[in-house]
Amino acid sequence: MQYEKLEIWVRSKNIAIDVYRELASLRDFGFKDQITRSALSVPSNIAEGMERSSNAEKARLLVISKGSIGEFKTQTDIGVAIGYIDQQRGLHWMNEAEQLSKMLGSFINRLKND
C-alpha cells in the first residue's frame, strides 16, 4: 500500500498506538474514548485518502486528518492539565501533533496544486 510508506502515516499510527497503550487503564471512559478516536482518526483517514483515485478526494480526507490532529492536540493539552496524561508525554504528543499538522498542510497543498 502506498500510504504505509508515508512518514505522516507511520508517525500518526505510532501516536495512536502510544495513546491506546498509555491510557489503557484510564477510568474516565468518555475522555479516553474521545482522545483515542481522534488519534485513531488521523492515520485511518490518511490511509483512506491515499486509496482514493483523485487528488481532490485524497486532499479531502487529509483535511479531515488535519482536523483530527488538532482535536487530538487539544484533548492532550486538557489531559495534561487535569492530570490524566504525564506532562512530558503530553508535551511530546502535542509537539508531534503540531509537526504532523504542518506536514499534512504541506501535503494537502501539494495535492491541490498538482
N, C-alpha and C. Protein backbone atom coordinates (compact mmCIF):
# COMPACT_ATOMS: atom_id res chain seq x y z
N MET A 1 0.82 -1.19 0.00
CA MET A 1 0.00 0.00 0.00
C MET A 1 0.87 1.26 0.00
N GLN A 2 0.46 2.23 -0.74
CA GLN A 2 1.19 3.48 -0.89
C GLN A 2 1.27 4.26 0.42
N TYR A 3 0.19 4.31 1.17
CA TYR A 3 0.17 5.13 2.38
C TYR A 3 1.12 4.62 3.46
N GLU A 4 1.40 3.33 3.49
CA GLU A 4 2.27 2.75 4.52
C GLU A 4 3.72 3.26 4.43
N LYS A 5 4.07 3.86 3.30
CA LYS A 5 5.41 4.41 3.11
C LYS A 5 5.48 5.89 3.51
N LEU A 6 4.35 6.50 3.79
CA LEU A 6 4.31 7.92 4.13
C LEU A 6 4.73 8.14 5.59
N GLU A 7 5.64 9.06 5.79
CA GLU A 7 6.09 9.38 7.14
C GLU A 7 4.93 9.86 8.02
N ILE A 8 4.01 10.64 7.44
CA ILE A 8 2.89 11.14 8.24
C ILE A 8 1.98 10.00 8.70
N TRP A 9 1.83 8.97 7.87
CA TRP A 9 1.02 7.82 8.29
C TRP A 9 1.73 7.04 9.39
N VAL A 10 3.01 6.76 9.21
CA VAL A 10 3.78 5.99 10.20
C VAL A 10 3.78 6.71 11.54
N ARG A 11 4.07 8.00 11.53
CA ARG A 11 4.15 8.76 12.78
C ARG A 11 2.78 8.87 13.46
N SER A 12 1.73 9.10 12.67
CA SER A 12 0.40 9.21 13.28
C SER A 12 -0.08 7.85 13.79
N LYS A 13 0.27 6.79 13.11
CA LYS A 13 -0.07 5.44 13.59
C LYS A 13 0.63 5.18 14.92
N ASN A 14 1.90 5.58 15.02
CA ASN A 14 2.64 5.37 16.26
C ASN A 14 2.06 6.16 17.43
N ILE A 15 1.58 7.38 17.16
CA ILE A 15 0.92 8.15 18.22
C ILE A 15 -0.35 7.42 18.67
N ALA A 16 -1.14 6.95 17.73
CA ALA A 16 -2.38 6.25 18.08
C ALA A 16 -2.08 5.04 18.96
N ILE A 17 -1.08 4.28 18.59
CA ILE A 17 -0.70 3.11 19.39
C ILE A 17 -0.27 3.53 20.79
N ASP A 18 0.54 4.58 20.86
CA ASP A 18 1.02 5.07 22.15
C ASP A 18 -0.14 5.55 23.02
N VAL A 19 -1.10 6.24 22.43
CA VAL A 19 -2.27 6.73 23.18
C VAL A 19 -3.05 5.55 23.75
N TYR A 20 -3.32 4.56 22.93
CA TYR A 20 -4.07 3.40 23.41
C TYR A 20 -3.33 2.71 24.55
N ARG A 21 -2.04 2.54 24.42
CA ARG A 21 -1.26 1.87 25.47
C ARG A 21 -1.18 2.71 26.75
N GLU A 22 -0.92 3.99 26.57
CA GLU A 22 -0.74 4.88 27.72
C GLU A 22 -2.02 5.05 28.53
N LEU A 23 -3.16 5.09 27.84
CA LEU A 23 -4.42 5.37 28.53
C LEU A 23 -5.28 4.13 28.76
N ALA A 24 -4.69 2.96 28.58
CA ALA A 24 -5.45 1.71 28.72
C ALA A 24 -6.15 1.58 30.06
N SER A 25 -5.52 2.05 31.12
CA SER A 25 -6.11 1.88 32.45
C SER A 25 -6.89 3.11 32.93
N LEU A 26 -7.00 4.14 32.09
CA LEU A 26 -7.75 5.34 32.47
C LEU A 26 -9.22 4.99 32.66
N ARG A 27 -9.78 5.41 33.78
CA ARG A 27 -11.15 5.04 34.11
C ARG A 27 -12.19 6.05 33.61
N ASP A 28 -11.75 7.20 33.16
CA ASP A 28 -12.68 8.18 32.58
C ASP A 28 -12.91 7.76 31.13
N PHE A 29 -13.93 6.93 30.93
CA PHE A 29 -14.14 6.32 29.62
C PHE A 29 -14.55 7.33 28.56
N GLY A 30 -15.23 8.40 28.96
CA GLY A 30 -15.61 9.43 28.00
C GLY A 30 -14.39 10.13 27.43
N PHE A 31 -13.48 10.53 28.30
CA PHE A 31 -12.25 11.19 27.85
C PHE A 31 -11.41 10.23 27.02
N LYS A 32 -11.24 9.02 27.53
CA LYS A 32 -10.41 8.03 26.84
C LYS A 32 -10.99 7.73 25.45
N ASP A 33 -12.29 7.58 25.36
CA ASP A 33 -12.92 7.31 24.07
C ASP A 33 -12.68 8.46 23.09
N GLN A 34 -12.82 9.68 23.55
CA GLN A 34 -12.68 10.85 22.69
C GLN A 34 -11.25 11.00 22.16
N ILE A 35 -10.26 10.88 23.05
CA ILE A 35 -8.88 11.10 22.62
C ILE A 35 -8.38 9.93 21.77
N THR A 36 -8.81 8.71 22.09
CA THR A 36 -8.37 7.59 21.26
C THR A 36 -9.02 7.65 19.88
N ARG A 37 -10.25 8.09 19.81
CA ARG A 37 -10.90 8.23 18.50
C ARG A 37 -10.22 9.28 17.64
N SER A 38 -9.87 10.41 18.24
CA SER A 38 -9.21 11.45 17.43
C SER A 38 -7.83 10.98 16.99
N ALA A 39 -7.09 10.30 17.86
CA ALA A 39 -5.77 9.79 17.49
C ALA A 39 -5.88 8.73 16.39
N LEU A 40 -6.85 7.84 16.52
CA LEU A 40 -7.04 6.78 15.53
C LEU A 40 -7.52 7.32 14.19
N SER A 41 -8.25 8.41 14.22
CA SER A 41 -8.79 9.01 13.00
C SER A 41 -7.71 9.51 12.05
N VAL A 42 -6.59 9.96 12.60
CA VAL A 42 -5.55 10.57 11.76
C VAL A 42 -4.96 9.56 10.77
N PRO A 43 -4.35 8.46 11.22
CA PRO A 43 -3.79 7.52 10.24
C PRO A 43 -4.87 6.83 9.42
N SER A 44 -6.04 6.65 10.01
CA SER A 44 -7.14 5.99 9.28
C SER A 44 -7.58 6.81 8.08
N ASN A 45 -7.74 8.12 8.27
CA ASN A 45 -8.15 8.98 7.15
C ASN A 45 -7.04 9.19 6.14
N ILE A 46 -5.78 9.17 6.60
CA ILE A 46 -4.67 9.23 5.65
C ILE A 46 -4.72 8.00 4.76
N ALA A 47 -4.88 6.83 5.37
CA ALA A 47 -4.94 5.58 4.60
C ALA A 47 -6.11 5.58 3.63
N GLU A 48 -7.28 5.98 4.12
CA GLU A 48 -8.46 6.02 3.24
C GLU A 48 -8.24 6.99 2.09
N GLY A 49 -7.71 8.16 2.39
CA GLY A 49 -7.48 9.16 1.35
C GLY A 49 -6.52 8.68 0.28
N MET A 50 -5.45 8.04 0.72
CA MET A 50 -4.44 7.61 -0.25
C MET A 50 -4.91 6.45 -1.11
N GLU A 51 -6.00 5.81 -0.70
CA GLU A 51 -6.59 4.74 -1.51
C GLU A 51 -7.57 5.29 -2.55
N ARG A 52 -7.86 6.57 -2.49
CA ARG A 52 -8.77 7.20 -3.46
C ARG A 52 -8.02 7.50 -4.74
N SER A 53 -8.78 7.66 -5.82
CA SER A 53 -8.13 7.82 -7.12
C SER A 53 -7.78 9.26 -7.46
N SER A 54 -8.56 10.22 -7.03
CA SER A 54 -8.27 11.60 -7.43
C SER A 54 -7.56 12.36 -6.32
N ASN A 55 -6.79 13.35 -6.71
CA ASN A 55 -6.10 14.20 -5.73
C ASN A 55 -7.09 14.98 -4.88
N ALA A 56 -8.23 15.35 -5.46
CA ALA A 56 -9.25 16.08 -4.69
C ALA A 56 -9.80 15.22 -3.56
N GLU A 57 -10.06 13.95 -3.85
CA GLU A 57 -10.55 13.04 -2.81
C GLU A 57 -9.48 12.80 -1.75
N LYS A 58 -8.24 12.62 -2.19
CA LYS A 58 -7.14 12.44 -1.25
C LYS A 58 -7.03 13.65 -0.33
N ALA A 59 -7.04 14.84 -0.92
CA ALA A 59 -6.90 16.07 -0.14
C ALA A 59 -8.05 16.22 0.85
N ARG A 60 -9.26 15.87 0.45
CA ARG A 60 -10.43 16.00 1.34
C ARG A 60 -10.24 15.16 2.61
N LEU A 61 -9.76 13.93 2.46
CA LEU A 61 -9.56 13.06 3.62
C LEU A 61 -8.35 13.49 4.44
N LEU A 62 -7.36 14.07 3.80
CA LEU A 62 -6.22 14.60 4.55
C LEU A 62 -6.64 15.83 5.37
N VAL A 63 -7.58 16.60 4.84
CA VAL A 63 -8.12 17.74 5.61
C VAL A 63 -8.82 17.23 6.87
N ILE A 64 -9.54 16.13 6.74
CA ILE A 64 -10.19 15.52 7.91
C ILE A 64 -9.12 15.08 8.92
N SER A 65 -8.05 14.46 8.43
CA SER A 65 -6.94 14.06 9.31
C SER A 65 -6.35 15.26 10.03
N LYS A 66 -6.20 16.37 9.29
CA LYS A 66 -5.63 17.59 9.88
C LYS A 66 -6.54 18.11 11.00
N GLY A 67 -7.83 18.04 10.78
CA GLY A 67 -8.77 18.43 11.84
C GLY A 67 -8.67 17.52 13.05
N SER A 68 -8.53 16.24 12.81
CA SER A 68 -8.42 15.27 13.91
C SER A 68 -7.14 15.46 14.72
N ILE A 69 -6.06 15.84 14.05
CA ILE A 69 -4.81 16.03 14.80
C ILE A 69 -4.91 17.28 15.67
N GLY A 70 -5.64 18.29 15.21
CA GLY A 70 -5.90 19.46 16.04
C GLY A 70 -6.75 19.11 17.24
N GLU A 71 -7.76 18.29 17.02
CA GLU A 71 -8.62 17.82 18.10
C GLU A 71 -7.79 17.02 19.12
N PHE A 72 -6.94 16.15 18.62
CA PHE A 72 -6.09 15.34 19.48
C PHE A 72 -5.16 16.22 20.33
N LYS A 73 -4.57 17.24 19.70
CA LYS A 73 -3.66 18.13 20.43
C LYS A 73 -4.40 18.84 21.57
N THR A 74 -5.60 19.30 21.29
CA THR A 74 -6.41 19.98 22.31
C THR A 74 -6.75 19.03 23.45
N GLN A 75 -7.15 17.82 23.13
CA GLN A 75 -7.50 16.84 24.16
C GLN A 75 -6.28 16.46 24.99
N THR A 76 -5.12 16.38 24.34
CA THR A 76 -3.89 16.09 25.07
C THR A 76 -3.58 17.22 26.04
N ASP A 77 -3.70 18.45 25.59
CA ASP A 77 -3.46 19.61 26.44
C ASP A 77 -4.37 19.57 27.66
N ILE A 78 -5.63 19.28 27.45
CA ILE A 78 -6.59 19.18 28.55
C ILE A 78 -6.23 18.01 29.46
N GLY A 79 -5.86 16.87 28.85
CA GLY A 79 -5.49 15.70 29.63
C GLY A 79 -4.30 15.95 30.54
N VAL A 80 -3.34 16.72 30.07
CA VAL A 80 -2.19 17.09 30.90
C VAL A 80 -2.66 17.99 32.04
N ALA A 81 -3.49 18.98 31.71
CA ALA A 81 -3.95 19.95 32.71
C ALA A 81 -4.75 19.30 33.84
N ILE A 82 -5.48 18.24 33.54
CA ILE A 82 -6.30 17.60 34.58
C ILE A 82 -5.62 16.37 35.19
N GLY A 83 -4.38 16.11 34.77
CA GLY A 83 -3.61 15.05 35.39
C GLY A 83 -3.82 13.66 34.82
N TYR A 84 -4.49 13.54 33.69
CA TYR A 84 -4.69 12.23 33.08
C TYR A 84 -3.47 11.78 32.27
N ILE A 85 -2.71 12.74 31.77
CA ILE A 85 -1.56 12.45 30.91
C ILE A 85 -0.33 13.09 31.54
N ASP A 86 0.73 12.30 31.67
CA ASP A 86 2.00 12.78 32.17
C ASP A 86 2.45 13.98 31.34
N GLN A 87 2.97 15.01 32.00
CA GLN A 87 3.32 16.24 31.31
C GLN A 87 4.35 16.02 30.20
N GLN A 88 5.37 15.24 30.47
CA GLN A 88 6.41 15.02 29.46
C GLN A 88 5.84 14.28 28.24
N ARG A 89 5.04 13.27 28.49
CA ARG A 89 4.43 12.53 27.38
C ARG A 89 3.47 13.44 26.62
N GLY A 90 2.70 14.23 27.35
CA GLY A 90 1.77 15.15 26.72
C GLY A 90 2.46 16.17 25.84
N LEU A 91 3.57 16.72 26.32
CA LEU A 91 4.33 17.67 25.52
C LEU A 91 4.87 17.01 24.25
N HIS A 92 5.31 15.77 24.38
CA HIS A 92 5.78 15.03 23.20
C HIS A 92 4.63 14.85 22.20
N TRP A 93 3.46 14.42 22.70
CA TRP A 93 2.31 14.23 21.81
C TRP A 93 1.90 15.53 21.14
N MET A 94 1.88 16.62 21.91
CA MET A 94 1.46 17.91 21.33
C MET A 94 2.47 18.40 20.30
N ASN A 95 3.75 18.21 20.55
CA ASN A 95 4.78 18.58 19.58
C ASN A 95 4.64 17.74 18.31
N GLU A 96 4.43 16.46 18.49
CA GLU A 96 4.26 15.57 17.34
C GLU A 96 3.00 15.96 16.55
N ALA A 97 1.94 16.30 17.26
CA ALA A 97 0.70 16.72 16.60
C ALA A 97 0.92 17.98 15.78
N GLU A 98 1.67 18.91 16.33
CA GLU A 98 1.97 20.14 15.60
C GLU A 98 2.77 19.86 14.33
N GLN A 99 3.76 19.01 14.45
CA GLN A 99 4.57 18.64 13.28
C GLN A 99 3.72 17.94 12.22
N LEU A 100 2.87 17.02 12.67
CA LEU A 100 2.01 16.30 11.72
C LEU A 100 1.02 17.24 11.04
N SER A 101 0.51 18.20 11.78
CA SER A 101 -0.41 19.18 11.19
C SER A 101 0.28 19.96 10.07
N LYS A 102 1.52 20.37 10.31
CA LYS A 102 2.28 21.09 9.28
C LYS A 102 2.54 20.19 8.07
N MET A 103 2.91 18.95 8.33
CA MET A 103 3.17 18.01 7.24
C MET A 103 1.91 17.76 6.42
N LEU A 104 0.79 17.59 7.11
CA LEU A 104 -0.47 17.39 6.40
C LEU A 104 -0.84 18.60 5.57
N GLY A 105 -0.65 19.79 6.14
CA GLY A 105 -0.94 21.02 5.40
C GLY A 105 -0.13 21.12 4.12
N SER A 106 1.15 20.80 4.21
CA SER A 106 2.02 20.83 3.02
C SER A 106 1.57 19.80 1.99
N PHE A 107 1.23 18.61 2.46
CA PHE A 107 0.81 17.54 1.55
C PHE A 107 -0.51 17.91 0.87
N ILE A 108 -1.43 18.48 1.61
CA ILE A 108 -2.72 18.92 1.06
C ILE A 108 -2.47 19.96 -0.04
N ASN A 109 -1.63 20.94 0.25
CA ASN A 109 -1.34 21.99 -0.74
C ASN A 109 -0.71 21.40 -2.00
N ARG A 110 0.18 20.44 -1.82
CA ARG A 110 0.82 19.80 -2.98
C ARG A 110 -0.21 19.06 -3.83
N LEU A 111 -1.13 18.35 -3.17
CA LEU A 111 -2.17 17.62 -3.92
C LEU A 111 -3.09 18.59 -4.66
N LYS A 112 -3.43 19.69 -4.03
CA LYS A 112 -4.33 20.66 -4.66
C LYS A 112 -3.67 21.37 -5.83
N ASN A 113 -2.34 21.49 -5.81
CA ASN A 113 -1.62 22.20 -6.88
C ASN A 113 -1.20 21.29 -8.02
N ASP A 114 -1.33 19.99 -7.85
CA ASP A 114 -0.96 19.05 -8.94
C ASP A 114 -2.07 18.92 -9.97
